[in-house]
Amino acid sequence: LLSGSRSSKTFKPKKNIPEGSHQYELLKHAEATLGSGNLRQAVMLPEGEDLNEWIAVNTVDFFNQINMLYGTITEFCTEASCPVMSAGPRYEYHWADGTNIKKPIKCSAPKYIDYLMTWVQDQLDDETLFPSKIGVPFPKNFMSVAKTILKRLFRVYAHIYHQHFDSVMRLQEEAHLNTSFKHFIFFVQEFNLIDRRELAPLQELIEKLGSKDR
């Protein structure tokens, strides 16, 4: 999807779904339906599949996509250019993970995104939260964890769109960013995973993307 040498540059190590596993099959199914170009259809739960597993596979996939997209613009997202983590002048994010950092702290965008992606990585690597083995049940709190992950990943899209879209265009990555974000939005809308208020920083774009598909 990405051209040239930039394609291998991710911000954090890519999270791989083990080949031969049922989740790998699901990922392949998702990729095949995405290829058809109908994103609304591509996000729907495949018949007979477990909702938690479908959400888990797609959450890993979105983490990898955002990881790659942010990886292409890290040189433009610096302490100097982005001293606060924001999505336009009206939205500023402070970091807290509830364990190591309990009280939200104000930090630069690169620092915030580093905290955020490391935190997501830790959740995805936790076998008790994201079991990769067949037959291992998802925990009762899985859905609330997945919602928090997706809510936070949205903030990276919001920051890229508001603060770095000119860089994205210079790198000719806007089609890739738009497709990735549209897929993400259709997915969270399909399963009602992110509160509308959280999506406010990109509301106009979301409406525009949605209206093209009606």
N, C-alpha and C. Protein backbone atom coordinates (compact mmCIF):
# COMPACT_ATOMS: atom_id res chain seq x y z
N LEU A 1 0.82 -1.20 0.00
CA LEU A 1 0.00 0.00 0.00
C LEU A 1 0.86 1.26 0.00
N LEU A 2 2.00 1.21 0.66
CA LEU A 2 2.86 2.39 0.69
C LEU A 2 4.00 2.18 -0.30
N SER A 3 4.42 3.29 -0.92
CA SER A 3 5.41 3.15 -1.97
C SER A 3 6.83 3.29 -1.44
N GLY A 4 7.75 2.72 -2.17
CA GLY A 4 9.16 2.94 -1.92
C GLY A 4 9.66 2.50 -0.57
N SER A 5 10.74 3.16 -0.14
CA SER A 5 11.43 2.73 1.07
C SER A 5 10.63 3.03 2.33
N ARG A 6 9.66 3.93 2.24
CA ARG A 6 8.89 4.30 3.43
C ARG A 6 8.01 3.16 3.92
N SER A 7 7.72 2.22 3.01
CA SER A 7 6.76 1.17 3.35
C SER A 7 7.17 0.36 4.58
N SER A 8 8.49 0.27 4.82
CA SER A 8 8.92 -0.59 5.93
C SER A 8 9.00 0.18 7.25
N LYS A 9 8.76 1.48 7.19
CA LYS A 9 8.96 2.31 8.38
C LYS A 9 7.70 2.35 9.24
N THR A 10 7.74 1.64 10.34
CA THR A 10 6.61 1.75 11.26
C THR A 10 7.11 2.45 12.51
N PHE A 11 6.19 3.00 13.27
CA PHE A 11 6.55 3.73 14.48
C PHE A 11 6.94 2.75 15.59
N LYS A 12 6.15 1.72 15.76
CA LYS A 12 6.43 0.64 16.72
C LYS A 12 6.53 -0.66 15.92
N PRO A 13 7.08 -1.73 16.51
CA PRO A 13 7.11 -3.00 15.77
C PRO A 13 5.68 -3.44 15.39
N LYS A 14 5.57 -4.00 14.20
CA LYS A 14 4.26 -4.46 13.72
C LYS A 14 3.79 -5.62 14.61
N LYS A 15 2.51 -5.66 14.84
CA LYS A 15 1.93 -6.76 15.64
C LYS A 15 1.43 -7.83 14.67
N ASN A 16 2.02 -9.01 14.71
CA ASN A 16 1.62 -10.06 13.78
C ASN A 16 0.61 -11.01 14.39
N ILE A 17 -0.37 -11.40 13.58
CA ILE A 17 -1.33 -12.43 14.00
C ILE A 17 -0.75 -13.77 13.54
N PRO A 18 -0.65 -14.75 14.45
CA PRO A 18 0.03 -16.00 14.07
C PRO A 18 -0.61 -16.70 12.86
N GLU A 19 0.24 -17.01 11.89
CA GLU A 19 -0.24 -17.69 10.69
C GLU A 19 -0.82 -19.05 11.04
N GLY A 20 -1.86 -19.45 10.32
CA GLY A 20 -2.46 -20.75 10.58
C GLY A 20 -3.52 -20.69 11.67
N SER A 21 -3.59 -19.58 12.42
CA SER A 21 -4.61 -19.47 13.47
C SER A 21 -5.94 -19.05 12.86
N HIS A 22 -7.01 -19.23 13.63
CA HIS A 22 -8.33 -18.83 13.15
C HIS A 22 -8.37 -17.31 12.93
N GLN A 23 -7.68 -16.57 13.80
CA GLN A 23 -7.66 -15.11 13.66
C GLN A 23 -6.96 -14.69 12.37
N TYR A 24 -5.98 -15.47 11.97
CA TYR A 24 -5.28 -15.19 10.71
C TYR A 24 -6.24 -15.38 9.53
N GLU A 25 -7.05 -16.44 9.62
CA GLU A 25 -8.07 -16.68 8.58
C GLU A 25 -9.05 -15.51 8.51
N LEU A 26 -9.44 -15.02 9.70
CA LEU A 26 -10.37 -13.88 9.76
C LEU A 26 -9.75 -12.64 9.13
N LEU A 27 -8.47 -12.44 9.40
CA LEU A 27 -7.77 -11.28 8.84
C LEU A 27 -7.74 -11.39 7.32
N LYS A 28 -7.48 -12.59 6.82
CA LYS A 28 -7.47 -12.82 5.37
C LYS A 28 -8.86 -12.55 4.78
N HIS A 29 -9.89 -12.96 5.50
CA HIS A 29 -11.27 -12.70 5.06
C HIS A 29 -11.50 -11.19 4.97
N ALA A 30 -11.06 -10.49 6.01
CA ALA A 30 -11.23 -9.03 6.05
C ALA A 30 -10.51 -8.37 4.88
N GLU A 31 -9.30 -8.82 4.61
CA GLU A 31 -8.52 -8.24 3.51
C GLU A 31 -9.18 -8.51 2.16
N ALA A 32 -9.75 -9.71 2.03
CA ALA A 32 -10.41 -10.05 0.77
C ALA A 32 -11.66 -9.18 0.53
N THR A 33 -12.47 -9.00 1.58
CA THR A 33 -13.67 -8.18 1.41
C THR A 33 -13.31 -6.71 1.24
N LEU A 34 -12.22 -6.28 1.86
CA LEU A 34 -11.76 -4.89 1.67
C LEU A 34 -11.40 -4.66 0.21
N GLY A 35 -10.80 -5.69 -0.38
CA GLY A 35 -10.40 -5.61 -1.78
C GLY A 35 -11.57 -5.38 -2.72
N SER A 36 -12.77 -5.75 -2.29
CA SER A 36 -13.95 -5.55 -3.14
C SER A 36 -14.33 -4.07 -3.23
N GLY A 37 -13.76 -3.28 -2.32
CA GLY A 37 -14.03 -1.84 -2.37
C GLY A 37 -15.25 -1.39 -1.60
N ASN A 38 -16.06 -2.35 -1.12
CA ASN A 38 -17.23 -1.95 -0.35
C ASN A 38 -16.91 -2.01 1.14
N LEU A 39 -16.54 -0.85 1.70
CA LEU A 39 -16.10 -0.83 3.09
C LEU A 39 -17.21 -1.10 4.09
N ARG A 40 -18.42 -0.66 3.77
CA ARG A 40 -19.54 -0.91 4.69
C ARG A 40 -19.75 -2.41 4.87
N GLN A 41 -19.61 -3.12 3.76
CA GLN A 41 -19.78 -4.58 3.79
C GLN A 41 -18.59 -5.26 4.46
N ALA A 42 -17.41 -4.70 4.21
CA ALA A 42 -16.17 -5.30 4.72
C ALA A 42 -16.10 -5.31 6.24
N VAL A 43 -16.77 -4.35 6.90
CA VAL A 43 -16.66 -4.29 8.36
C VAL A 43 -17.67 -5.18 9.08
N MET A 44 -18.67 -5.67 8.35
CA MET A 44 -19.71 -6.48 9.00
C MET A 44 -19.16 -7.79 9.55
N LEU A 45 -19.76 -8.23 10.65
CA LEU A 45 -19.34 -9.50 11.27
C LEU A 45 -19.63 -10.65 10.31
N PRO A 46 -18.61 -11.42 9.92
CA PRO A 46 -18.86 -12.56 9.03
C PRO A 46 -19.80 -13.56 9.71
N GLU A 47 -20.64 -14.17 8.92
CA GLU A 47 -21.64 -15.10 9.46
C GLU A 47 -21.00 -16.20 10.31
N GLY A 48 -21.58 -16.43 11.48
CA GLY A 48 -21.12 -17.51 12.35
C GLY A 48 -19.86 -17.21 13.13
N GLU A 49 -19.34 -15.97 13.01
CA GLU A 49 -18.10 -15.66 13.73
C GLU A 49 -18.38 -14.99 15.07
N ASP A 50 -17.39 -15.08 15.95
CA ASP A 50 -17.49 -14.51 17.29
C ASP A 50 -17.18 -13.01 17.22
N LEU A 51 -18.07 -12.19 17.78
CA LEU A 51 -17.91 -10.74 17.72
C LEU A 51 -16.59 -10.29 18.36
N ASN A 52 -16.27 -10.83 19.53
CA ASN A 52 -15.03 -10.44 20.21
C ASN A 52 -13.80 -10.71 19.34
N GLU A 53 -13.82 -11.87 18.71
CA GLU A 53 -12.68 -12.25 17.89
C GLU A 53 -12.54 -11.32 16.68
N TRP A 54 -13.66 -10.98 16.08
CA TRP A 54 -13.69 -10.08 14.92
C TRP A 54 -13.16 -8.69 15.32
N ILE A 55 -13.59 -8.23 16.48
CA ILE A 55 -13.14 -6.92 16.96
C ILE A 55 -11.64 -6.97 17.29
N ALA A 56 -11.20 -8.10 17.87
CA ALA A 56 -9.78 -8.25 18.21
C ALA A 56 -8.89 -8.20 16.97
N VAL A 57 -9.27 -8.96 15.95
CA VAL A 57 -8.48 -9.02 14.71
C VAL A 57 -8.39 -7.65 14.05
N ASN A 58 -9.52 -6.96 14.00
CA ASN A 58 -9.54 -5.64 13.36
C ASN A 58 -8.80 -4.59 14.19
N THR A 59 -8.85 -4.72 15.51
CA THR A 59 -8.13 -3.78 16.37
C THR A 59 -6.62 -3.90 16.14
N VAL A 60 -6.14 -5.13 16.03
CA VAL A 60 -4.72 -5.35 15.73
C VAL A 60 -4.38 -4.74 14.37
N ASP A 61 -5.26 -4.94 13.40
CA ASP A 61 -5.03 -4.42 12.05
C ASP A 61 -4.99 -2.89 12.05
N PHE A 62 -5.90 -2.25 12.79
CA PHE A 62 -5.89 -0.78 12.84
C PHE A 62 -4.63 -0.27 13.55
N PHE A 63 -4.22 -0.97 14.59
CA PHE A 63 -2.97 -0.59 15.27
C PHE A 63 -1.82 -0.59 14.26
N ASN A 64 -1.74 -1.65 13.45
CA ASN A 64 -0.67 -1.75 12.46
C ASN A 64 -0.76 -0.66 11.40
N GLN A 65 -1.98 -0.35 10.97
CA GLN A 65 -2.16 0.69 9.95
C GLN A 65 -1.74 2.07 10.48
N ILE A 66 -2.18 2.39 11.70
CA ILE A 66 -1.87 3.71 12.28
C ILE A 66 -0.37 3.80 12.57
N ASN A 67 0.18 2.69 13.01
CA ASN A 67 1.60 2.56 13.27
C ASN A 67 2.41 2.94 12.02
N MET A 68 1.94 2.47 10.86
CA MET A 68 2.62 2.72 9.60
C MET A 68 2.39 4.16 9.16
N LEU A 69 1.15 4.63 9.27
CA LEU A 69 0.83 5.99 8.86
C LEU A 69 1.60 7.02 9.69
N TYR A 70 1.61 6.81 11.00
CA TYR A 70 2.34 7.75 11.86
C TYR A 70 3.85 7.63 11.63
N GLY A 71 4.30 6.41 11.34
CA GLY A 71 5.72 6.18 11.05
C GLY A 71 6.21 7.02 9.88
N THR A 72 5.34 7.31 8.93
CA THR A 72 5.76 8.10 7.75
C THR A 72 5.93 9.58 8.07
N ILE A 73 5.31 10.06 9.17
CA ILE A 73 5.39 11.50 9.44
C ILE A 73 6.10 11.84 10.76
N THR A 74 6.75 10.85 11.40
CA THR A 74 7.38 11.13 12.71
C THR A 74 8.38 12.29 12.65
N GLU A 75 9.06 12.44 11.50
CA GLU A 75 10.07 13.53 11.42
C GLU A 75 9.42 14.91 11.48
N PHE A 76 8.11 14.99 11.17
CA PHE A 76 7.42 16.29 11.19
C PHE A 76 6.69 16.52 12.52
N CYS A 77 6.54 15.44 13.30
CA CYS A 77 5.82 15.54 14.57
C CYS A 77 6.85 15.54 15.69
N THR A 78 7.26 16.73 16.10
CA THR A 78 8.36 16.84 17.07
C THR A 78 7.92 17.64 18.29
N GLU A 79 8.79 17.64 19.29
CA GLU A 79 8.53 18.43 20.51
C GLU A 79 8.33 19.90 20.14
N ALA A 80 9.09 20.36 19.15
CA ALA A 80 9.02 21.77 18.75
C ALA A 80 7.76 22.08 17.95
N SER A 81 7.44 21.19 16.98
CA SER A 81 6.28 21.47 16.11
C SER A 81 4.96 21.17 16.81
N CYS A 82 4.95 20.20 17.72
CA CYS A 82 3.72 19.78 18.38
C CYS A 82 3.91 19.70 19.89
N PRO A 83 4.08 20.84 20.57
CA PRO A 83 4.34 20.80 22.01
C PRO A 83 3.18 20.27 22.84
N VAL A 84 1.97 20.30 22.26
CA VAL A 84 0.84 19.66 22.95
C VAL A 84 0.18 18.66 22.00
N MET A 85 -0.46 17.65 22.57
CA MET A 85 -1.16 16.66 21.76
C MET A 85 -2.54 17.22 21.48
N SER A 86 -2.75 17.64 20.24
CA SER A 86 -4.03 18.28 19.92
C SER A 86 -4.59 17.77 18.62
N ALA A 87 -5.88 18.09 18.42
CA ALA A 87 -6.56 17.83 17.15
C ALA A 87 -7.28 19.13 16.80
N GLY A 88 -6.50 20.10 16.35
CA GLY A 88 -7.05 21.42 16.09
C GLY A 88 -7.07 22.24 17.38
N PRO A 89 -7.45 23.52 17.27
CA PRO A 89 -7.35 24.41 18.44
C PRO A 89 -8.31 24.07 19.58
N ARG A 90 -9.38 23.35 19.28
CA ARG A 90 -10.41 23.11 20.30
C ARG A 90 -10.22 21.82 21.09
N TYR A 91 -9.34 20.95 20.62
CA TYR A 91 -9.21 19.64 21.27
C TYR A 91 -7.77 19.36 21.66
N GLU A 92 -7.57 19.17 22.97
CA GLU A 92 -6.24 18.84 23.48
C GLU A 92 -6.36 17.57 24.33
N TYR A 93 -5.41 16.67 24.17
CA TYR A 93 -5.46 15.41 24.91
C TYR A 93 -4.33 15.34 25.94
N HIS A 94 -4.69 14.88 27.14
CA HIS A 94 -3.68 14.66 28.18
C HIS A 94 -3.61 13.16 28.45
N TRP A 95 -2.41 12.66 28.74
CA TRP A 95 -2.24 11.20 28.84
C TRP A 95 -2.41 10.67 30.27
N ALA A 96 -3.14 9.56 30.36
CA ALA A 96 -3.19 8.76 31.59
C ALA A 96 -3.51 7.33 31.17
N ASP A 97 -2.88 6.36 31.80
CA ASP A 97 -3.21 4.97 31.46
C ASP A 97 -3.89 4.25 32.61
N GLY A 98 -4.07 4.95 33.74
CA GLY A 98 -4.78 4.35 34.87
C GLY A 98 -3.92 3.47 35.76
N THR A 99 -2.71 3.11 35.28
CA THR A 99 -1.84 2.29 36.13
C THR A 99 -0.54 3.01 36.46
N ASN A 100 0.29 3.25 35.42
CA ASN A 100 1.56 3.95 35.67
C ASN A 100 1.33 5.46 35.84
N ILE A 101 0.45 6.00 35.01
CA ILE A 101 0.14 7.43 35.08
C ILE A 101 -1.35 7.57 35.35
N LYS A 102 -1.68 7.83 36.61
CA LYS A 102 -3.10 7.86 36.99
C LYS A 102 -3.73 9.23 36.74
N LYS A 103 -2.98 10.28 36.97
CA LYS A 103 -3.51 11.63 36.79
C LYS A 103 -3.08 12.12 35.41
N PRO A 104 -4.04 12.54 34.56
CA PRO A 104 -3.68 12.95 33.19
C PRO A 104 -2.58 14.02 33.15
N ILE A 105 -1.58 13.76 32.32
CA ILE A 105 -0.47 14.71 32.19
C ILE A 105 -0.48 15.35 30.81
N LYS A 106 -0.06 16.61 30.79
CA LYS A 106 0.04 17.34 29.53
C LYS A 106 1.39 16.99 28.92
N CYS A 107 1.41 16.59 27.66
CA CYS A 107 2.71 16.30 27.04
C CYS A 107 2.65 16.58 25.54
N SER A 108 3.83 16.59 24.92
CA SER A 108 3.90 16.86 23.48
C SER A 108 3.22 15.72 22.71
N ALA A 109 2.87 16.01 21.47
CA ALA A 109 2.23 14.98 20.64
C ALA A 109 3.11 13.74 20.46
N PRO A 110 4.41 13.90 20.12
CA PRO A 110 5.21 12.68 19.95
C PRO A 110 5.29 11.84 21.23
N LYS A 111 5.37 12.52 22.37
CA LYS A 111 5.44 11.81 23.66
C LYS A 111 4.11 11.10 23.91
N TYR A 112 3.02 11.82 23.70
CA TYR A 112 1.69 11.25 23.91
C TYR A 112 1.48 10.02 23.03
N ILE A 113 1.83 10.15 21.77
CA ILE A 113 1.60 9.04 20.82
C ILE A 113 2.51 7.86 21.17
N ASP A 114 3.70 8.16 21.67
CA ASP A 114 4.59 7.08 22.12
C ASP A 114 3.97 6.34 23.31
N TYR A 115 3.48 7.09 24.29
CA TYR A 115 2.78 6.48 25.43
C TYR A 115 1.60 5.64 24.93
N LEU A 116 0.81 6.24 24.05
CA LEU A 116 -0.42 5.61 23.58
C LEU A 116 -0.14 4.30 22.84
N MET A 117 0.80 4.36 21.88
CA MET A 117 1.07 3.17 21.08
C MET A 117 1.74 2.07 21.91
N THR A 118 2.57 2.47 22.87
CA THR A 118 3.20 1.47 23.76
C THR A 118 2.13 0.81 24.62
N TRP A 119 1.20 1.63 25.12
CA TRP A 119 0.10 1.10 25.93
C TRP A 119 -0.76 0.13 25.12
N VAL A 120 -1.11 0.51 23.89
CA VAL A 120 -1.92 -0.37 23.03
C VAL A 120 -1.18 -1.68 22.79
N GLN A 121 0.11 -1.55 22.49
CA GLN A 121 0.94 -2.74 22.25
C GLN A 121 0.90 -3.70 23.43
N ASP A 122 1.01 -3.14 24.62
CA ASP A 122 0.96 -3.97 25.84
C ASP A 122 -0.38 -4.70 25.97
N GLN A 123 -1.48 -4.01 25.62
CA GLN A 123 -2.80 -4.66 25.69
C GLN A 123 -2.88 -5.79 24.66
N LEU A 124 -2.43 -5.52 23.44
CA LEU A 124 -2.51 -6.52 22.36
C LEU A 124 -1.64 -7.74 22.66
N ASP A 125 -0.54 -7.51 23.38
CA ASP A 125 0.38 -8.63 23.70
C ASP A 125 -0.08 -9.44 24.91
N ASP A 126 -1.08 -8.94 25.61
CA ASP A 126 -1.56 -9.62 26.82
C ASP A 126 -2.52 -10.75 26.44
N GLU A 127 -2.05 -11.98 26.58
CA GLU A 127 -2.84 -13.16 26.17
C GLU A 127 -4.15 -13.29 26.96
N THR A 128 -4.21 -12.70 28.16
CA THR A 128 -5.46 -12.80 28.92
C THR A 128 -6.52 -11.84 28.36
N LEU A 129 -6.06 -10.79 27.67
CA LEU A 129 -6.99 -9.82 27.06
C LEU A 129 -7.28 -10.16 25.60
N PHE A 130 -6.20 -10.48 24.88
CA PHE A 130 -6.31 -10.79 23.45
C PHE A 130 -5.79 -12.21 23.22
N PRO A 131 -6.58 -13.22 23.59
CA PRO A 131 -6.09 -14.60 23.43
C PRO A 131 -5.90 -14.96 21.95
N SER A 132 -4.75 -15.51 21.62
CA SER A 132 -4.52 -15.87 20.21
C SER A 132 -4.78 -17.35 19.98
N LYS A 133 -4.91 -18.11 21.08
CA LYS A 133 -5.12 -19.55 20.90
C LYS A 133 -6.61 -19.87 20.79
N ILE A 134 -6.92 -20.82 19.93
CA ILE A 134 -8.30 -21.24 19.71
C ILE A 134 -8.87 -21.82 20.98
N GLY A 135 -10.10 -21.46 21.29
CA GLY A 135 -10.77 -22.04 22.45
C GLY A 135 -10.54 -21.28 23.75
N VAL A 136 -9.54 -20.36 23.75
CA VAL A 136 -9.32 -19.56 24.96
C VAL A 136 -10.34 -18.41 24.93
N PRO A 137 -11.19 -18.33 25.97
CA PRO A 137 -12.25 -17.32 25.92
C PRO A 137 -11.71 -15.90 26.13
N PHE A 138 -12.44 -14.94 25.57
CA PHE A 138 -12.11 -13.54 25.81
C PHE A 138 -12.59 -13.16 27.20
N PRO A 139 -11.87 -12.26 27.88
CA PRO A 139 -12.30 -11.88 29.24
C PRO A 139 -13.59 -11.05 29.20
N LYS A 140 -14.27 -10.96 30.33
CA LYS A 140 -15.54 -10.22 30.39
C LYS A 140 -15.36 -8.73 30.08
N ASN A 141 -14.18 -8.20 30.40
CA ASN A 141 -13.96 -6.77 30.17
C ASN A 141 -13.36 -6.48 28.79
N PHE A 142 -13.34 -7.50 27.90
CA PHE A 142 -12.70 -7.32 26.60
C PHE A 142 -13.27 -6.13 25.83
N MET A 143 -14.60 -6.05 25.79
CA MET A 143 -15.24 -5.01 24.98
C MET A 143 -14.86 -3.61 25.47
N SER A 144 -14.81 -3.43 26.78
CA SER A 144 -14.47 -2.09 27.29
C SER A 144 -13.00 -1.76 27.01
N VAL A 145 -12.13 -2.76 27.05
CA VAL A 145 -10.72 -2.54 26.72
C VAL A 145 -10.58 -2.18 25.23
N ALA A 146 -11.27 -2.94 24.38
CA ALA A 146 -11.21 -2.68 22.94
C ALA A 146 -11.71 -1.26 22.62
N LYS A 147 -12.79 -0.86 23.29
CA LYS A 147 -13.34 0.49 23.07
C LYS A 147 -12.33 1.56 23.46
N THR A 148 -11.63 1.35 24.57
CA THR A 148 -10.62 2.33 25.01
C THR A 148 -9.47 2.39 24.01
N ILE A 149 -9.04 1.23 23.52
CA ILE A 149 -7.95 1.19 22.53
C ILE A 149 -8.36 1.97 21.28
N LEU A 150 -9.55 1.69 20.77
CA LEU A 150 -10.00 2.33 19.53
C LEU A 150 -10.21 3.83 19.72
N LYS A 151 -10.73 4.21 20.87
CA LYS A 151 -10.93 5.63 21.18
C LYS A 151 -9.58 6.35 21.15
N ARG A 152 -8.56 5.71 21.69
CA ARG A 152 -7.23 6.34 21.73
C ARG A 152 -6.56 6.33 20.35
N LEU A 153 -6.75 5.24 19.60
CA LEU A 153 -6.16 5.21 18.25
C LEU A 153 -6.77 6.30 17.37
N PHE A 154 -8.06 6.58 17.59
CA PHE A 154 -8.72 7.65 16.83
C PHE A 154 -7.96 8.97 17.01
N ARG A 155 -7.43 9.21 18.20
CA ARG A 155 -6.75 10.48 18.49
C ARG A 155 -5.50 10.66 17.62
N VAL A 156 -4.88 9.54 17.25
CA VAL A 156 -3.70 9.64 16.38
C VAL A 156 -4.15 10.07 14.98
N TYR A 157 -5.23 9.47 14.48
CA TYR A 157 -5.78 9.93 13.19
C TYR A 157 -6.11 11.43 13.28
N ALA A 158 -6.79 11.82 14.36
CA ALA A 158 -7.24 13.21 14.51
C ALA A 158 -6.04 14.16 14.51
N HIS A 159 -4.97 13.77 15.19
CA HIS A 159 -3.77 14.61 15.23
C HIS A 159 -3.14 14.71 13.84
N ILE A 160 -3.03 13.57 13.15
CA ILE A 160 -2.43 13.58 11.80
C ILE A 160 -3.24 14.49 10.87
N TYR A 161 -4.56 14.35 10.89
CA TYR A 161 -5.40 15.16 10.00
C TYR A 161 -5.29 16.66 10.32
N HIS A 162 -5.33 16.99 11.59
CA HIS A 162 -5.33 18.41 11.96
C HIS A 162 -3.97 19.08 11.85
N GLN A 163 -2.91 18.36 12.24
CA GLN A 163 -1.60 19.00 12.33
C GLN A 163 -0.63 18.64 11.20
N HIS A 164 -0.86 17.52 10.52
CA HIS A 164 0.16 17.06 9.58
C HIS A 164 -0.37 16.71 8.19
N PHE A 165 -1.57 17.18 7.87
CA PHE A 165 -2.14 16.75 6.59
C PHE A 165 -1.32 17.28 5.40
N ASP A 166 -0.72 18.45 5.57
CA ASP A 166 0.11 18.99 4.47
C ASP A 166 1.32 18.07 4.21
N SER A 167 1.90 17.53 5.29
CA SER A 167 3.03 16.59 5.12
C SER A 167 2.56 15.31 4.45
N VAL A 168 1.38 14.85 4.87
CA VAL A 168 0.80 13.63 4.28
C VAL A 168 0.62 13.82 2.77
N MET A 169 0.14 15.01 2.39
CA MET A 169 -0.06 15.28 0.97
C MET A 169 1.27 15.38 0.21
N ARG A 170 2.26 16.00 0.85
CA ARG A 170 3.59 16.08 0.20
C ARG A 170 4.17 14.69 -0.04
N LEU A 171 3.88 13.78 0.88
CA LEU A 171 4.38 12.40 0.75
C LEU A 171 3.47 11.56 -0.15
N GLN A 172 2.38 12.18 -0.62
CA GLN A 172 1.37 11.50 -1.46
C GLN A 172 0.78 10.27 -0.77
N GLU A 173 0.51 10.45 0.53
CA GLU A 173 -0.07 9.35 1.31
C GLU A 173 -1.54 9.60 1.63
N GLU A 174 -2.12 10.70 1.09
CA GLU A 174 -3.48 11.04 1.55
C GLU A 174 -4.53 9.99 1.20
N ALA A 175 -4.38 9.33 0.03
CA ALA A 175 -5.35 8.30 -0.34
C ALA A 175 -5.28 7.14 0.65
N HIS A 176 -4.07 6.80 1.04
CA HIS A 176 -3.87 5.71 1.99
C HIS A 176 -4.45 6.08 3.36
N LEU A 177 -4.18 7.32 3.79
CA LEU A 177 -4.71 7.80 5.08
C LEU A 177 -6.23 7.81 5.06
N ASN A 178 -6.82 8.35 3.97
CA ASN A 178 -8.28 8.45 3.88
C ASN A 178 -8.95 7.08 3.88
N THR A 179 -8.37 6.14 3.15
CA THR A 179 -8.96 4.80 3.09
C THR A 179 -8.88 4.11 4.44
N SER A 180 -7.73 4.25 5.09
CA SER A 180 -7.53 3.65 6.40
C SER A 180 -8.52 4.25 7.41
N PHE A 181 -8.65 5.56 7.39
CA PHE A 181 -9.53 6.23 8.35
C PHE A 181 -11.01 5.88 8.09
N LYS A 182 -11.36 5.82 6.82
CA LYS A 182 -12.74 5.49 6.45
C LYS A 182 -13.09 4.07 6.93
N HIS A 183 -12.17 3.16 6.71
CA HIS A 183 -12.35 1.77 7.17
C HIS A 183 -12.54 1.75 8.69
N PHE A 184 -11.67 2.49 9.39
CA PHE A 184 -11.72 2.59 10.86
C PHE A 184 -13.08 3.12 11.32
N ILE A 185 -13.52 4.22 10.70
CA ILE A 185 -14.78 4.85 11.11
C ILE A 185 -15.98 3.94 10.85
N PHE A 186 -16.01 3.33 9.66
CA PHE A 186 -17.13 2.42 9.36
C PHE A 186 -17.16 1.27 10.36
N PHE A 187 -15.97 0.81 10.75
CA PHE A 187 -15.90 -0.30 11.71
C PHE A 187 -16.44 0.12 13.07
N VAL A 188 -15.97 1.24 13.59
CA VAL A 188 -16.43 1.65 14.93
C VAL A 188 -17.90 2.04 14.92
N GLN A 189 -18.39 2.53 13.78
CA GLN A 189 -19.82 2.85 13.68
C GLN A 189 -20.67 1.58 13.64
N GLU A 190 -20.20 0.60 12.91
CA GLU A 190 -20.94 -0.66 12.76
C GLU A 190 -21.21 -1.31 14.12
N PHE A 191 -20.22 -1.23 15.02
CA PHE A 191 -20.38 -1.90 16.32
C PHE A 191 -20.49 -0.91 17.49
N ASN A 192 -20.67 0.36 17.14
CA ASN A 192 -20.90 1.40 18.15
C ASN A 192 -19.79 1.39 19.22
N LEU A 193 -18.56 1.53 18.76
CA LEU A 193 -17.41 1.35 19.65
C LEU A 193 -16.81 2.65 20.20
N ILE A 194 -17.13 3.78 19.55
CA ILE A 194 -16.60 5.05 20.05
C ILE A 194 -17.75 6.04 20.19
N ASP A 195 -17.81 6.67 21.33
CA ASP A 195 -18.84 7.67 21.63
C ASP A 195 -18.75 8.82 20.61
N ARG A 196 -19.89 9.29 20.16
CA ARG A 196 -19.94 10.38 19.17
C ARG A 196 -19.14 11.60 19.59
N ARG A 197 -19.19 11.92 20.87
CA ARG A 197 -18.47 13.12 21.35
C ARG A 197 -16.97 13.00 21.12
N GLU A 198 -16.47 11.78 21.23
CA GLU A 198 -15.03 11.54 21.03
C GLU A 198 -14.63 11.78 19.56
N LEU A 199 -15.60 11.60 18.67
CA LEU A 199 -15.31 11.74 17.23
C LEU A 199 -15.42 13.18 16.75
N ALA A 200 -15.83 14.08 17.64
CA ALA A 200 -16.10 15.48 17.26
C ALA A 200 -14.97 16.17 16.49
N PRO A 201 -13.68 15.95 16.84
CA PRO A 201 -12.63 16.66 16.10
C PRO A 201 -12.61 16.40 14.60
N LEU A 202 -13.16 15.26 14.17
CA LEU A 202 -13.16 14.95 12.73
C LEU A 202 -14.59 14.76 12.20
N GLN A 203 -15.56 15.36 12.89
CA GLN A 203 -16.97 15.14 12.54
C GLN A 203 -17.29 15.47 11.08
N GLU A 204 -16.78 16.61 10.61
CA GLU A 204 -17.07 17.01 9.22
C GLU A 204 -16.54 16.00 8.22
N LEU A 205 -15.31 15.56 8.46
CA LEU A 205 -14.69 14.57 7.57
C LEU A 205 -15.48 13.26 7.61
N ILE A 206 -15.90 12.85 8.81
CA ILE A 206 -16.66 11.61 8.97
C ILE A 206 -17.97 11.68 8.18
N GLU A 207 -18.64 12.82 8.27
CA GLU A 207 -19.90 12.98 7.53
C GLU A 207 -19.66 12.94 6.03
N LYS A 208 -18.56 13.56 5.60
CA LYS A 208 -18.22 13.59 4.18
C LYS A 208 -17.93 12.18 3.67
N LEU A 209 -17.14 11.42 4.43
CA LEU A 209 -16.81 10.05 4.04
C LEU A 209 -18.05 9.18 3.99
N GLY A 210 -18.95 9.38 4.97
CA GLY A 210 -20.17 8.59 5.04
C GLY A 210 -21.14 8.92 3.92
N SER A 211 -21.24 10.21 3.55
CA SER A 211 -22.23 10.60 2.56
C SER A 211 -21.89 10.07 1.17
N LYS A 212 -20.60 9.84 0.93
CA LYS A 212 -20.18 9.29 -0.37
C LYS A 212 -20.63 7.85 -0.53
N ASP A 213 -20.94 7.21 0.59
CA ASP A 213 -21.27 5.79 0.53
C ASP A 213 -22.75 5.50 0.65
N ARG A 214 -23.55 6.56 0.68
CA ARG A 214 -24.99 6.30 0.85
C ARG A 214 -25.62 6.00 -0.48
